[in-house]
Structures are given as C-alpha cells and as structure tokens.
C-alpha cells in the first residue's frame, strides 16, 4: 500500500469511516484527489465487500479500487448472496462484516462458498463473533483496523487463494 493511504488513514476513524478532526470537506477532497491521481495497477481480482454501515463500505470500496481491485458491494448478507450469484466473473475474496441484517456474515459466506469454493473469506467485526460459526480457514479482522492492516490481510489471503507468487 502506498504511503499516501497510510497518511490519510491516520486521520480516519475506520469504525465509522469519518474524519477524526475538523475539516471533513478537506479530508474527503484529499481522498478524492488521491483516488484520481493514483495509478491503478491491473489486477484481475474481485472482492465482495459486505458492510451494513454505508460510510465504511464506501470508504473500503474506494480504497480497494484505488489499489486496483474490482469491487462489488452489498449492505447485508442476503444481498451479498444475490450479488455473488449474479456476478459472471470470479469473486476471489469476500470481505464481510459478521453482524449484518437479514443474514449474518458467516451464513452468507457459507452460502456463497457453496457455489464459489475457491473464494477466500475475511470476516470483520467490532465485536467478538461467535467463533463456532467461523470456519478455521477464514481470516478474522477486528474493527477498527488500519488501511495498512486491511491491505496486508488481503494480500495474504489473495496469496493463499491463487498460490503465492501466482498471477
């Protein structure tokens, strides 16, 4: 991940995806400038981001797009299943909140994995999830998290999904 994102993420409350300091318009202008100016490497990987808090979902989606990922989004577990089912290409990774309306993240992940068994899963939560509902092969990411930690977890999970060093 680039130094610019690390600098911006220091000013971000990732649990709410809101600026920590006054001058929010300036912060979002900086984020937009960064997104527009950053070269986007060609990555053929798709991530489905499932988060019921719109501001965090949009922040994470924008960050991943800036890093070159294709991003699909959903606001609840049921919608995530529908988005994955209707997407023609691969879904390489599911980045999913545990506590979601209509269907929790673990149930959504299991349902999507039934038709996409090669997909990797990262479950995120501000609370300790019910561990017995999580598959040991899944990653867990506690909220709030830094942009650097998110990118490191994604890179590690993607490396396992495609084979380390594979393109």
Foldseek 3Di string as FASTA:
>chain_A
DDPLQLVLLVQAQLVQRFGPDPDRVVSVVSLVVLLVPQDADADPAEEEEEAQRVNNQVVVCSVVVSNRHHYHYYNFLVVSLVVLVPDPDAHAEYEYEQDGPPHGPLVSVVSSCVVHVLHAYEYEYCDDDPVVSDDPRHHYHYPPDTPVVVVVVVVVRSCVSQPNPHD
